PDB file of N, CA and C in Angstrom:
ATOM      1  N   UNK A   1       0.833  -1.172   0.000  1.00  0.00           N
ATOM      2  CA  UNK A   1       0.000   0.000   0.000  1.00  0.00           C
ATOM      3  C   UNK A   1       0.880   1.238   0.000  1.00  0.00           C
ATOM      4  N   UNK A   2       0.756   2.062  -0.987  1.00  0.00           N
ATOM      5  CA  UNK A   2       1.519   3.292  -1.088  1.00  0.00           C
ATOM      6  C   UNK A   2       0.820   4.382  -0.286  1.00  0.00           C
ATOM      7  N   UNK A   3       1.619   5.106   0.484  1.00  0.00           N
ATOM      8  CA  UNK A   3       1.075   6.188   1.282  1.00  0.00           C
ATOM      9  C   UNK A   3       1.002   7.427   0.405  1.00  0.00           C
ATOM     10  N   UNK A   4      -0.179   8.003   0.287  1.00  0.00           N
ATOM     11  CA  UNK A   4      -0.386   9.177  -0.550  1.00  0.00           C
ATOM     12  C   UNK A   4       0.338  10.351   0.085  1.00  0.00           C
ATOM     13  N   UNK A   5       1.088  11.088  -0.739  1.00  0.00           N
ATOM     14  CA  UNK A   5       1.789  12.259  -0.265  1.00  0.00           C
ATOM     15  C   UNK A   5       3.068  11.947   0.490  1.00  0.00           C
ATOM     16  N   UNK A   6       3.517  10.721   0.457  1.00  0.00           N
ATOM     17  CA  UNK A   6       4.730  10.315   1.160  1.00  0.00           C
ATOM     18  C   UNK A   6       5.941  10.642   0.313  1.00  0.00           C
ATOM     19  N   UNK A   7       6.901  11.338   0.908  1.00  0.00           N
ATOM     20  CA  UNK A   7       8.130  11.699   0.220  1.00  0.00           C
ATOM     21  C   UNK A   7       9.306  11.120   0.983  1.00  0.00           C
ATOM     22  N   UNK A   8      10.155  10.382   0.286  1.00  0.00           N
ATOM     23  CA  UNK A   8      11.329   9.794   0.906  1.00  0.00           C
ATOM     24  C   UNK A   8      12.560  10.602   0.507  1.00  0.00           C
ATOM     25  N   UNK A   9      13.374  10.930   1.483  1.00  0.00           N
ATOM     26  CA  UNK A   9      14.602  11.683   1.229  1.00  0.00           C
ATOM     27  C   UNK A   9      15.554  10.845   0.372  1.00  0.00           C
ATOM     28  N   UNK A  10      16.402  11.488  -0.429  1.00  0.00           N
ATOM     29  CA  UNK A  10      17.285  10.754  -1.360  1.00  0.00           C
ATOM     30  C   UNK A  10      18.227   9.759  -0.694  1.00  0.00           C
ATOM     31  N   UNK A  11      18.665  10.012   0.534  1.00  0.00           N
ATOM     32  CA  UNK A  11      19.606   9.102   1.195  1.00  0.00           C
ATOM     33  C   UNK A  11      18.909   7.911   1.853  1.00  0.00           C
ATOM     34  N   UNK A  12      17.601   7.946   1.952  1.00  0.00           N
ATOM     35  CA  UNK A  12      16.859   6.909   2.664  1.00  0.00           C
ATOM     36  C   UNK A  12      16.930   5.525   2.020  1.00  0.00           C
ATOM     37  N   UNK A  13      16.816   5.388   0.700  1.00  0.00           N
ATOM     38  CA  UNK A  13      16.880   4.033   0.138  1.00  0.00           C
ATOM     39  C   UNK A  13      18.169   3.286   0.481  1.00  0.00           C
ATOM     40  N   UNK A  14      19.308   3.965   0.512  1.00  0.00           N
ATOM     41  CA  UNK A  14      20.560   3.295   0.859  1.00  0.00           C
ATOM     42  C   UNK A  14      20.511   2.786   2.299  1.00  0.00           C
ATOM     43  N   UNK A  15      19.994   3.587   3.206  1.00  0.00           N
ATOM     44  CA  UNK A  15      19.867   3.144   4.598  1.00  0.00           C
ATOM     45  C   UNK A  15      18.912   1.961   4.699  1.00  0.00           C
ATOM     46  N   UNK A  16      17.815   2.018   3.967  1.00  0.00           N
ATOM     47  CA  UNK A  16      16.860   0.912   3.964  1.00  0.00           C
ATOM     48  C   UNK A  16      17.487  -0.354   3.385  1.00  0.00           C
ATOM     49  N   UNK A  17      18.299  -0.212   2.358  1.00  0.00           N
ATOM     50  CA  UNK A  17      18.995  -1.376   1.799  1.00  0.00           C
ATOM     51  C   UNK A  17      19.956  -1.972   2.816  1.00  0.00           C
ATOM     52  N   UNK A  18      20.651  -1.118   3.570  1.00  0.00           N
ATOM     53  CA  UNK A  18      21.553  -1.616   4.607  1.00  0.00           C
ATOM     54  C   UNK A  18      20.781  -2.409   5.659  1.00  0.00           C
ATOM     55  N   UNK A  19      19.625  -1.909   6.050  1.00  0.00           N
ATOM     56  CA  UNK A  19      18.781  -2.604   7.032  1.00  0.00           C
ATOM     57  C   UNK A  19      18.331  -3.948   6.465  1.00  0.00           C
ATOM     58  N   UNK A  20      17.813  -3.920   5.244  1.00  0.00           N
ATOM     59  CA  UNK A  20      17.337  -5.159   4.612  1.00  0.00           C
ATOM     60  C   UNK A  20      18.456  -6.187   4.491  1.00  0.00           C
ATOM     61  N   UNK A  21      19.628  -5.745   4.038  1.00  0.00           N
ATOM     62  CA  UNK A  21      20.741  -6.676   3.830  1.00  0.00           C
ATOM     63  C   UNK A  21      21.235  -7.272   5.145  1.00  0.00           C
ATOM     64  N   UNK A  22      21.317  -6.455   6.186  1.00  0.00           N
ATOM     65  CA  UNK A  22      21.756  -6.970   7.490  1.00  0.00           C
ATOM     66  C   UNK A  22      20.716  -7.931   8.061  1.00  0.00           C
ATOM     67  N   UNK A  23      19.449  -7.601   7.899  1.00  0.00           N
ATOM     68  CA  UNK A  23      18.385  -8.498   8.371  1.00  0.00           C
ATOM     69  C   UNK A  23      18.440  -9.830   7.636  1.00  0.00           C
ATOM     70  N   UNK A  24      18.608  -9.782   6.335  1.00  0.00           N
ATOM     71  CA  UNK A  24      18.684 -11.021   5.561  1.00  0.00           C
ATOM     72  C   UNK A  24      19.899 -11.846   5.961  1.00  0.00           C
ATOM     73  N   UNK A  25      21.009 -11.185   6.225  1.00  0.00           N
ATOM     74  CA  UNK A  25      22.216 -11.901   6.659  1.00  0.00           C
ATOM     75  C   UNK A  25      21.953 -12.645   7.965  1.00  0.00           C
ATOM     76  N   UNK A  26      21.310 -11.964   8.920  1.00  0.00           N
ATOM     77  CA  UNK A  26      20.989 -12.604  10.192  1.00  0.00           C
ATOM     78  C   UNK A  26      20.072 -13.804   9.962  1.00  0.00           C
ATOM     79  N   UNK A  27      19.063 -13.615   9.150  1.00  0.00           N
ATOM     80  CA  UNK A  27      18.127 -14.707   8.862  1.00  0.00           C
ATOM     81  C   UNK A  27      18.859 -15.884   8.217  1.00  0.00           C
ATOM     82  N   UNK A  28      19.704 -15.588   7.233  1.00  0.00           N
ATOM     83  CA  UNK A  28      20.455 -16.650   6.553  1.00  0.00           C
ATOM     84  C   UNK A  28      21.366 -17.414   7.513  1.00  0.00           C
ATOM     85  N   UNK A  29      22.031 -16.689   8.399  1.00  0.00           N
ATOM     86  CA  UNK A  29      22.992 -17.322   9.309  1.00  0.00           C
ATOM     87  C   UNK A  29      22.327 -18.096  10.436  1.00  0.00           C
ATOM     88  N   UNK A  30      21.072 -17.784  10.744  1.00  0.00           N
ATOM     89  CA  UNK A  30      20.431 -18.432  11.892  1.00  0.00           C
ATOM     90  C   UNK A  30      19.346 -19.440  11.508  1.00  0.00           C
ATOM     91  N   UNK A  31      18.992 -19.501  10.237  1.00  0.00           N
ATOM     92  CA  UNK A  31      17.988 -20.472   9.813  1.00  0.00           C
ATOM     93  C   UNK A  31      18.486 -21.887  10.113  1.00  0.00           C
ATOM     94  N   UNK A  32      17.655 -22.651  10.770  1.00  0.00           N
ATOM     95  CA  UNK A  32      18.020 -24.023  11.120  1.00  0.00           C
ATOM     96  C   UNK A  32      18.830 -24.126  12.402  1.00  0.00           C
ATOM     97  N   UNK A  33      19.061 -23.006  13.067  1.00  0.00           N
ATOM     98  CA  UNK A  33      19.824 -22.982  14.308  1.00  0.00           C
ATOM     99  C   UNK A  33      18.863 -22.890  15.484  1.00  0.00           C
ATOM    100  N   UNK A  34      19.270 -23.411  16.606  1.00  0.00           N
ATOM    101  CA  UNK A  34      18.467 -23.331  17.822  1.00  0.00           C
ATOM    102  C   UNK A  34      19.064 -22.301  18.772  1.00  0.00           C
ATOM    103  N   UNK A  35      18.291 -21.925  19.766  1.00  0.00           N
ATOM    104  CA  UNK A  35      18.786 -21.013  20.786  1.00  0.00           C
ATOM    105  C   UNK A  35      20.005 -21.604  21.483  1.00  0.00           C
ATOM    106  N   UNK A  36      19.984 -22.888  21.775  1.00  0.00           N
ATOM    107  CA  UNK A  36      21.128 -23.512  22.452  1.00  0.00           C
ATOM    108  C   UNK A  36      22.395 -23.410  21.616  1.00  0.00           C
ATOM    109  N   UNK A  37      22.289 -23.705  20.335  1.00  0.00           N
ATOM    110  CA  UNK A  37      23.449 -23.593  19.443  1.00  0.00           C
ATOM    111  C   UNK A  37      23.914 -22.145  19.381  1.00  0.00           C
ATOM    112  N   UNK A  38      22.961 -21.230  19.258  1.00  0.00           N
ATOM    113  CA  UNK A  38      23.286 -19.811  19.208  1.00  0.00           C
ATOM    114  C   UNK A  38      24.044 -19.379  20.464  1.00  0.00           C
ATOM    115  N   UNK A  39      23.572 -19.793  21.621  1.00  0.00           N
ATOM    116  CA  UNK A  39      24.214 -19.413  22.881  1.00  0.00           C
ATOM    117  C   UNK A  39      25.632 -19.974  23.001  1.00  0.00           C
ATOM    118  N   UNK A  40      25.859 -21.136  22.429  1.00  0.00           N
ATOM    119  CA  UNK A  40      27.168 -21.784  22.535  1.00  0.00           C
ATOM    120  C   UNK A  40      28.146 -21.360  21.451  1.00  0.00           C
ATOM    121  N   UNK A  41      27.674 -20.702  20.388  1.00  0.00           N
ATOM    122  CA  UNK A  41      28.529 -20.365  19.249  1.00  0.00           C
ATOM    123  C   UNK A  41      28.868 -18.872  19.276  1.00  0.00           C
ATOM    124  N   UNK A  42      30.015 -18.545  19.846  1.00  0.00           N
ATOM    125  CA  UNK A  42      30.420 -17.148  19.995  1.00  0.00           C
ATOM    126  C   UNK A  42      30.540 -16.446  18.646  1.00  0.00           C
ATOM    127  N   UNK A  43      31.109 -17.105  17.662  1.00  0.00           N
ATOM    128  CA  UNK A  43      31.249 -16.483  16.337  1.00  0.00           C
ATOM    129  C   UNK A  43      29.889 -16.111  15.760  1.00  0.00           C
ATOM    130  N   UNK A  44      28.941 -17.001  15.859  1.00  0.00           N
ATOM    131  CA  UNK A  44      27.604 -16.736  15.350  1.00  0.00           C
ATOM    132  C   UNK A  44      26.963 -15.575  16.105  1.00  0.00           C
ATOM    133  N   UNK A  45      27.076 -15.587  17.435  1.00  0.00           N
ATOM    134  CA  UNK A  45      26.506 -14.486  18.217  1.00  0.00           C
ATOM    135  C   UNK A  45      27.112 -13.155  17.801  1.00  0.00           C
ATOM    136  N   UNK A  46      28.418 -13.126  17.594  1.00  0.00           N
ATOM    137  CA  UNK A  46      29.069 -11.864  17.256  1.00  0.00           C
ATOM    138  C   UNK A  46      28.676 -11.348  15.871  1.00  0.00           C
ATOM    139  N   UNK A  47      28.553 -12.223  14.888  1.00  0.00           N
ATOM    140  CA  UNK A  47      28.150 -11.732  13.566  1.00  0.00           C
ATOM    141  C   UNK A  47      26.687 -11.286  13.583  1.00  0.00           C
ATOM    142  N   UNK A  48      25.864 -11.967  14.354  1.00  0.00           N
ATOM    143  CA  UNK A  48      24.467 -11.544  14.476  1.00  0.00           C
ATOM    144  C   UNK A  48      24.385 -10.198  15.191  1.00  0.00           C
ATOM    145  N   UNK A  49      25.087 -10.072  16.300  1.00  0.00           N
ATOM    146  CA  UNK A  49      25.065  -8.809  17.042  1.00  0.00           C
ATOM    147  C   UNK A  49      25.591  -7.662  16.176  1.00  0.00           C
ATOM    148  N   UNK A  50      26.647  -7.903  15.430  1.00  0.00           N
ATOM    149  CA  UNK A  50      27.196  -6.855  14.554  1.00  0.00           C
ATOM    150  C   UNK A  50      26.155  -6.412  13.532  1.00  0.00           C
ATOM    151  N   UNK A  51      25.425  -7.338  12.972  1.00  0.00           N
ATOM    152  CA  UNK A  51      24.421  -6.968  11.983  1.00  0.00           C
ATOM    153  C   UNK A  51      23.223  -6.272  12.619  1.00  0.00           C
ATOM    154  N   UNK A  52      22.894  -6.618  13.866  1.00  0.00           N
ATOM    155  CA  UNK A  52      21.878  -5.849  14.588  1.00  0.00           C
ATOM    156  C   UNK A  52      22.380  -4.426  14.851  1.00  0.00           C
ATOM    157  N   UNK A  53      23.676  -4.274  15.106  1.00  0.00           N
ATOM    158  CA  UNK A  53      24.251  -2.936  15.277  1.00  0.00           C
ATOM    159  C   UNK A  53      24.103  -2.121  13.990  1.00  0.00           C
ATOM    160  N   UNK A  54      24.367  -2.754  12.865  1.00  0.00           N
ATOM    161  CA  UNK A  54      24.216  -2.078  11.567  1.00  0.00           C
ATOM    162  C   UNK A  54      22.769  -1.656  11.364  1.00  0.00           C
ATOM    163  N   UNK A  55      21.851  -2.550  11.654  1.00  0.00           N
ATOM    164  CA  UNK A  55      20.432  -2.220  11.525  1.00  0.00           C
ATOM    165  C   UNK A  55      20.092  -1.022  12.405  1.00  0.00           C
ATOM    166  N   UNK A  56      20.504  -1.079  13.648  1.00  0.00           N
ATOM    167  CA  UNK A  56      20.192  -0.003  14.581  1.00  0.00           C
ATOM    168  C   UNK A  56      20.805   1.328  14.176  1.00  0.00           C
ATOM    169  N   UNK A  57      22.022   1.295  13.687  1.00  0.00           N
ATOM    170  CA  UNK A  57      22.667   2.535  13.254  1.00  0.00           C
ATOM    171  C   UNK A  57      21.993   3.097  12.007  1.00  0.00           C
ATOM    172  N   UNK A  58      21.628   2.229  11.083  1.00  0.00           N
ATOM    173  CA  UNK A  58      20.930   2.693   9.881  1.00  0.00           C
ATOM    174  C   UNK A  58      19.560   3.280  10.243  1.00  0.00           C
ATOM    175  N   UNK A  59      18.864   2.657  11.178  1.00  0.00           N
ATOM    176  CA  UNK A  59      17.571   3.198  11.625  1.00  0.00           C
ATOM    177  C   UNK A  59      17.787   4.530  12.337  1.00  0.00           C
ATOM    178  N   UNK A  60      18.839   4.631  13.143  1.00  0.00           N
ATOM    179  CA  UNK A  60      19.146   5.894  13.822  1.00  0.00           C
ATOM    180  C   UNK A  60      19.390   7.006  12.813  1.00  0.00           C
ATOM    181  N   UNK A  61      20.204   6.723  11.804  1.00  0.00           N
ATOM    182  CA  UNK A  61      20.472   7.726  10.766  1.00  0.00           C
ATOM    183  C   UNK A  61      19.200   8.088  10.013  1.00  0.00           C
ATOM    184  N   UNK A  62      18.398   7.085   9.709  1.00  0.00           N
ATOM    185  CA  UNK A  62      17.135   7.323   9.029  1.00  0.00           C
ATOM    186  C   UNK A  62      16.246   8.245   9.863  1.00  0.00           C
ATOM    187  N   UNK A  63      16.212   8.022  11.161  1.00  0.00           N
ATOM    188  CA  UNK A  63      15.357   8.847  12.025  1.00  0.00           C
ATOM    189  C   UNK A  63      15.830  10.300  12.067  1.00  0.00           C
ATOM    190  N   UNK A  64      17.120  10.526  11.865  1.00  0.00           N
ATOM    191  CA  UNK A  64      17.644  11.894  11.846  1.00  0.00           C
ATOM    192  C   UNK A  64      17.437  12.568  10.495  1.00  0.00           C
ATOM    193  N   UNK A  65      17.690  11.827   9.415  1.00  0.00           N
ATOM    194  CA  UNK A  65      17.634  12.395   8.064  1.00  0.00           C
ATOM    195  C   UNK A  65      16.223  12.381   7.470  1.00  0.00           C
ATOM    196  N   UNK A  66      15.418  11.414   7.876  1.00  0.00           N
ATOM    197  CA  UNK A  66      14.102  11.235   7.268  1.00  0.00           C
ATOM    198  C   UNK A  66      13.132  10.665   8.311  1.00  0.00           C
ATOM    199  N   UNK A  67      12.747  11.495   9.289  1.00  0.00           N
ATOM    200  CA  UNK A  67      11.897  10.990  10.370  1.00  0.00           C
ATOM    201  C   UNK A  67      10.556  10.432   9.896  1.00  0.00           C
ATOM    202  N   UNK A  68      10.010  10.960   8.800  1.00  0.00           N
ATOM    203  CA  UNK A  68       8.728  10.435   8.301  1.00  0.00           C
ATOM    204  C   UNK A  68       8.861   8.985   7.858  1.00  0.00           C
ATOM    205  N   UNK A  69       9.964   8.664   7.196  1.00  0.00           N
ATOM    206  CA  UNK A  69      10.188   7.281   6.780  1.00  0.00           C
ATOM    207  C   UNK A  69      10.476   6.409   7.994  1.00  0.00           C
ATOM    208  N   UNK A  70      11.289   6.882   8.911  1.00  0.00           N
ATOM    209  CA  UNK A  70      11.622   6.098  10.107  1.00  0.00           C
ATOM    210  C   UNK A  70      10.369   5.751  10.897  1.00  0.00           C
ATOM    211  N   UNK A  71       9.427   6.662  10.975  1.00  0.00           N
ATOM    212  CA  UNK A  71       8.207   6.411  11.730  1.00  0.00           C
ATOM    213  C   UNK A  71       7.345   5.331  11.100  1.00  0.00           C
ATOM    214  N   UNK A  72       7.602   4.986   9.871  1.00  0.00           N
ATOM    215  CA  UNK A  72       6.863   3.907   9.215  1.00  0.00           C
ATOM    216  C   UNK A  72       7.463   2.536   9.524  1.00  0.00           C
ATOM    217  N   UNK A  73       8.556   2.520  10.282  1.00  0.00           N
ATOM    218  CA  UNK A  73       9.175   1.276  10.737  1.00  0.00           C
ATOM    219  C   UNK A  73       8.674   1.007  12.155  1.00  0.00           C
ATOM    220  N   UNK A  74       8.013  -0.120  12.337  1.00  0.00           N
ATOM    221  CA  UNK A  74       7.477  -0.469  13.646  1.00  0.00           C
ATOM    222  C   UNK A  74       8.593  -0.503  14.682  1.00  0.00           C
ATOM    223  N   UNK A  75       8.342   0.136  15.810  1.00  0.00           N
ATOM    224  CA  UNK A  75       9.269   0.117  16.953  1.00  0.00           C
ATOM    225  C   UNK A  75      10.657   0.652  16.607  1.00  0.00           C
ATOM    226  N   UNK A  76      10.738   1.659  15.726  1.00  0.00           N
ATOM    227  CA  UNK A  76      12.055   2.147  15.316  1.00  0.00           C
ATOM    228  C   UNK A  76      12.880   2.656  16.492  1.00  0.00           C
ATOM    229  N   UNK A  77      12.244   3.228  17.488  1.00  0.00           N
ATOM    230  CA  UNK A  77      12.999   3.719  18.653  1.00  0.00           C
ATOM    231  C   UNK A  77      13.574   2.562  19.474  1.00  0.00           C
ATOM    232  N   UNK A  78      12.847   1.454  19.563  1.00  0.00           N
ATOM    233  CA  UNK A  78      13.350   0.286  20.277  1.00  0.00           C
ATOM    234  C   UNK A  78      14.503  -0.361  19.517  1.00  0.00           C
ATOM    235  N   UNK A  79      14.468  -0.280  18.193  1.00  0.00           N
ATOM    236  CA  UNK A  79      15.569  -0.816  17.384  1.00  0.00           C
ATOM    237  C   UNK A  79      16.845  -0.028  17.685  1.00  0.00           C
ATOM    238  N   UNK A  80      16.719   1.280  17.767  1.00  0.00           N
ATOM    239  CA  UNK A  80      17.870   2.129  18.096  1.00  0.00           C
ATOM    240  C   UNK A  80      18.349   1.828  19.517  1.00  0.00           C
ATOM    241  N   UNK A  81      17.427   1.670  20.446  1.00  0.00           N
ATOM    242  CA  UNK A  81      17.799   1.366  21.831  1.00  0.00           C
ATOM    243  C   UNK A  81      18.527   0.027  21.923  1.00  0.00           C
ATOM    244  N   UNK A  82      18.076  -0.961  21.150  1.00  0.00           N
ATOM    245  CA  UNK A  82      18.733  -2.269  21.143  1.00  0.00           C
ATOM    246  C   UNK A  82      20.155  -2.142  20.611  1.00  0.00           C
ATOM    247  N   UNK A  83      20.340  -1.342  19.576  1.00  0.00           N
ATOM    248  CA  UNK A  83      21.682  -1.076  19.046  1.00  0.00           C
ATOM    249  C   UNK A  83      22.571  -0.470  20.126  1.00  0.00           C
ATOM    250  N   UNK A  84      22.030   0.454  20.891  1.00  0.00           N
ATOM    251  CA  UNK A  84      22.811   1.094  21.951  1.00  0.00           C
ATOM    252  C   UNK A  84      23.222   0.097  23.020  1.00  0.00           C
ATOM    253  N   UNK A  85      22.331  -0.822  23.352  1.00  0.00           N
ATOM    254  CA  UNK A  85      22.673  -1.866  24.321  1.00  0.00           C
ATOM    255  C   UNK A  85      23.804  -2.739  23.779  1.00  0.00           C
ATOM    256  N   UNK A  86      23.684  -3.141  22.528  1.00  0.00           N
ATOM    257  CA  UNK A  86      24.716  -3.998  21.943  1.00  0.00           C
ATOM    258  C   UNK A  86      26.085  -3.324  21.950  1.00  0.00           C
ATOM    259  N   UNK A  87      26.107  -2.033  21.700  1.00  0.00           N
ATOM    260  CA  UNK A  87      27.382  -1.321  21.620  1.00  0.00           C
ATOM    261  C   UNK A  87      27.904  -0.916  23.000  1.00  0.00           C
ATOM    262  N   UNK A  88      27.047  -0.376  23.827  1.00  0.00           N
ATOM    263  CA  UNK A  88      27.508   0.220  25.074  1.00  0.00           C
ATOM    264  C   UNK A  88      27.404  -0.702  26.279  1.00  0.00           C
ATOM    265  N   UNK A  89      26.603  -1.741  26.184  1.00  0.00           N
ATOM    266  CA  UNK A  89      26.452  -2.670  27.308  1.00  0.00           C
ATOM    267  C   UNK A  89      26.787  -4.088  26.854  1.00  0.00           C
ATOM    268  N   UNK A  90      27.821  -4.191  26.041  1.00  0.00           N
ATOM    269  CA  UNK A  90      28.202  -5.473  25.441  1.00  0.00           C
ATOM    270  C   UNK A  90      28.446  -6.558  26.493  1.00  0.00           C
ATOM    271  N   UNK A  91      28.828  -6.149  27.694  1.00  0.00           N
ATOM    272  CA  UNK A  91      29.179  -7.118  28.727  1.00  0.00           C
ATOM    273  C   UNK A  91      27.974  -7.736  29.429  1.00  0.00           C
ATOM    274  N   UNK A  92      26.780  -7.233  29.156  1.00  0.00           N
ATOM    275  CA  UNK A  92      25.586  -7.779  29.810  1.00  0.00           C
ATOM    276  C   UNK A  92      24.531  -8.242  28.793  1.00  0.00           C
ATOM    277  N   UNK A  93      24.943  -8.452  27.568  1.00  0.00           N
ATOM    278  CA  UNK A  93      24.010  -8.883  26.534  1.00  0.00           C
ATOM    279  C   UNK A  93      23.528 -10.295  26.835  1.00  0.00           C
ATOM    280  N   UNK A  94      22.231 -10.461  26.785  1.00  0.00           N
ATOM    281  CA  UNK A  94      21.610 -11.765  26.992  1.00  0.00           C
ATOM    282  C   UNK A  94      21.362 -12.398  25.624  1.00  0.00           C
ATOM    283  N   UNK A  95      22.065 -13.485  25.300  1.00  0.00           N
ATOM    284  CA  UNK A  95      21.855 -14.114  23.989  1.00  0.00           C
ATOM    285  C   UNK A  95      20.396 -14.493  23.732  1.00  0.00           C
ATOM    286  N   UNK A  96      19.659 -14.825  24.759  1.00  0.00           N
ATOM    287  CA  UNK A  96      18.244 -15.173  24.581  1.00  0.00           C
ATOM    288  C   UNK A  96      17.447 -13.959  24.109  1.00  0.00           C
ATOM    289  N   UNK A  97      17.804 -12.780  24.569  1.00  0.00           N
ATOM    290  CA  UNK A  97      17.124 -11.558  24.105  1.00  0.00           C
ATOM    291  C   UNK A  97      17.434 -11.304  22.631  1.00  0.00           C
ATOM    292  N   UNK A  98      18.687 -11.491  22.259  1.00  0.00           N
ATOM    293  CA  UNK A  98      19.060 -11.340  20.855  1.00  0.00           C
ATOM    294  C   UNK A  98      18.259 -12.339  20.020  1.00  0.00           C
ATOM    295  N   UNK A  99      18.176 -13.571  20.494  1.00  0.00           N
ATOM    296  CA  UNK A  99      17.441 -14.620  19.782  1.00  0.00           C
ATOM    297  C   UNK A  99      15.964 -14.259  19.626  1.00  0.00           C
ATOM    298  N   UNK A 100      15.374 -13.689  20.665  1.00  0.00           N
ATOM    299  CA  UNK A 100      13.963 -13.284  20.580  1.00  0.00           C
ATOM    300  C   UNK A 100      13.760 -12.239  19.481  1.00  0.00           C
ATOM    301  N   UNK A 101      14.728 -11.357  19.305  1.00  0.00           N
ATOM    302  CA  UNK A 101      14.623 -10.370  18.232  1.00  0.00           C
ATOM    303  C   UNK A 101      14.731 -11.017  16.859  1.00  0.00           C
ATOM    304  N   UNK A 102      15.526 -12.062  16.752  1.00  0.00           N
ATOM    305  CA  UNK A 102      15.643 -12.785  15.475  1.00  0.00           C
ATOM    306  C   UNK A 102      14.306 -13.418  15.134  1.00  0.00           C
ATOM    307  N   UNK A 103      13.726 -14.109  16.089  1.00  0.00           N
ATOM    308  CA  UNK A 103      12.459 -14.809  15.862  1.00  0.00           C
ATOM    309  C   UNK A 103      11.266 -13.871  15.825  1.00  0.00           C
ATOM    310  N   UNK A 104      11.323 -12.804  16.603  1.00  0.00           N
ATOM    311  CA  UNK A 104      10.161 -11.948  16.761  1.00  0.00           C
ATOM    312  C   UNK A 104      10.075 -10.805  15.777  1.00  0.00           C
ATOM    313  N   UNK A 105      10.901  -9.811  15.959  1.00  0.00           N
ATOM    314  CA  UNK A 105      10.733  -8.566  15.211  1.00  0.00           C
ATOM    315  C   UNK A 105      11.471  -8.507  13.880  1.00  0.00           C
ATOM    316  N   UNK A 106      12.486  -9.312  13.695  1.00  0.00           N
ATOM    317  CA  UNK A 106      13.303  -9.201  12.483  1.00  0.00           C
ATOM    318  C   UNK A 106      12.534  -9.494  11.189  1.00  0.00           C
ATOM    319  N   UNK A 107      11.730 -10.549  11.115  1.00  0.00           N
ATOM    320  CA  UNK A 107      10.979 -10.782   9.871  1.00  0.00           C
ATOM    321  C   UNK A 107      10.034  -9.630   9.514  1.00  0.00           C
ATOM    322  N   UNK A 108       9.360  -9.066  10.525  1.00  0.00           N
ATOM    323  CA  UNK A 108       8.476  -7.930  10.277  1.00  0.00           C
ATOM    324  C   UNK A 108       9.267  -6.713   9.794  1.00  0.00           C
ATOM    325  N   UNK A 109      10.398  -6.449  10.427  1.00  0.00           N
ATOM    326  CA  UNK A 109      11.250  -5.330  10.016  1.00  0.00           C
ATOM    327  C   UNK A 109      11.663  -5.480   8.552  1.00  0.00           C
ATOM    328  N   UNK A 110      12.081  -6.670   8.184  1.00  0.00           N
ATOM    329  CA  UNK A 110      12.503  -6.903   6.803  1.00  0.00           C
ATOM    330  C   UNK A 110      11.345  -6.665   5.833  1.00  0.00           C
ATOM    331  N   UNK A 111      10.159  -7.147   6.162  1.00  0.00           N
ATOM    332  CA  UNK A 111       8.987  -6.926   5.297  1.00  0.00           C
ATOM    333  C   UNK A 111       8.675  -5.434   5.158  1.00  0.00           C
ATOM    334  N   UNK A 112       8.703  -4.719   6.266  1.00  0.00           N
ATOM    335  CA  UNK A 112       8.408  -3.283   6.217  1.00  0.00           C
ATOM    336  C   UNK A 112       9.427  -2.524   5.377  1.00  0.00           C
ATOM    337  N   UNK A 113      10.683  -2.853   5.547  1.00  0.00           N
ATOM    338  CA  UNK A 113      11.740  -2.178   4.792  1.00  0.00           C
ATOM    339  C   UNK A 113      11.627  -2.510   3.307  1.00  0.00           C
ATOM    340  N   UNK A 114      11.328  -3.753   2.989  1.00  0.00           N
ATOM    341  CA  UNK A 114      11.143  -4.118   1.582  1.00  0.00           C
ATOM    342  C   UNK A 114       9.981  -3.345   0.967  1.00  0.00           C
ATOM    343  N   UNK A 115       8.903  -3.149   1.729  1.00  0.00           N
ATOM    344  CA  UNK A 115       7.777  -2.356   1.237  1.00  0.00           C
ATOM    345  C   UNK A 115       8.201  -0.912   1.002  1.00  0.00           C
ATOM    346  N   UNK A 116       8.937  -0.337   1.913  1.00  0.00           N
ATOM    347  CA  UNK A 116       9.420   1.040   1.737  1.00  0.00           C
ATOM    348  C   UNK A 116      10.324   1.154   0.514  1.00  0.00           C
ATOM    349  N   UNK A 117      11.157   0.155   0.291  1.00  0.00           N
ATOM    350  CA  UNK A 117      12.025   0.169  -0.895  1.00  0.00           C
ATOM    351  C   UNK A 117      11.214   0.060  -2.184  1.00  0.00           C
ATOM    352  N   UNK A 118      10.170  -0.760  -2.160  1.00  0.00           N
ATOM    353  CA  UNK A 118       9.307  -0.847  -3.348  1.00  0.00           C
ATOM    354  C   UNK A 118       8.664   0.507  -3.634  1.00  0.00           C
ATOM    355  N   UNK A 119       8.210   1.172  -2.587  1.00  0.00           N
ATOM    356  CA  UNK A 119       7.608   2.511  -2.773  1.00  0.00           C
ATOM    357  C   UNK A 119       8.641   3.495  -3.301  1.00  0.00           C
ATOM    358  N   UNK A 120       9.859   3.427  -2.799  1.00  0.00           N
ATOM    359  CA  UNK A 120      10.908   4.350  -3.273  1.00  0.00           C
ATOM    360  C   UNK A 120      11.203   4.111  -4.741  1.00  0.00           C
ATOM    361  N   UNK A 121      11.149   2.863  -5.169  1.00  0.00           N
ATOM    362  CA  UNK A 121      11.424   2.521  -6.572  1.00  0.00           C
ATOM    363  C   UNK A 121      10.284   2.893  -7.503  1.00  0.00           C
ATOM    364  N   UNK A 122       9.088   3.113  -6.948  1.00  0.00           N
ATOM    365  CA  UNK A 122       7.944   3.510  -7.770  1.00  0.00           C
ATOM    366  C   UNK A 122       7.975   4.993  -8.105  1.00  0.00           C
ATOM    367  N   UNK A 123       8.700   5.754  -7.283  1.00  0.00           N
ATOM    368  CA  UNK A 123       8.740   7.210  -7.505  1.00  0.00           C
ATOM    369  C   UNK A 123       9.631   7.578  -8.671  1.00  0.00           C
TER     370      UNK A 123
END
């Protein structure tokens, strides 16, 4: 569904692509994996956390450069807050919380971003 009168800033599609690509990477790396495997595999946790950091930073930049587009991303402020936890509170990260974001909000985020990219390509 295209939003009537919606204008996306020129830098927004690149940020949205970064979000989509990082989300897809996380999905690809964790498909077929369990929480137990995730908790025991430090390399996997670190690449997933890094890609969540990328997502959060791209959403943060989007919220500064194009707040109207950022507001169309569900829970965009929580995504930024999660990025801040990953970066600034790295020593208390709960792998189960990271896993819940993979299973819970990540697929929806990817769908929303893909929709925004389709709208940007229609303009």
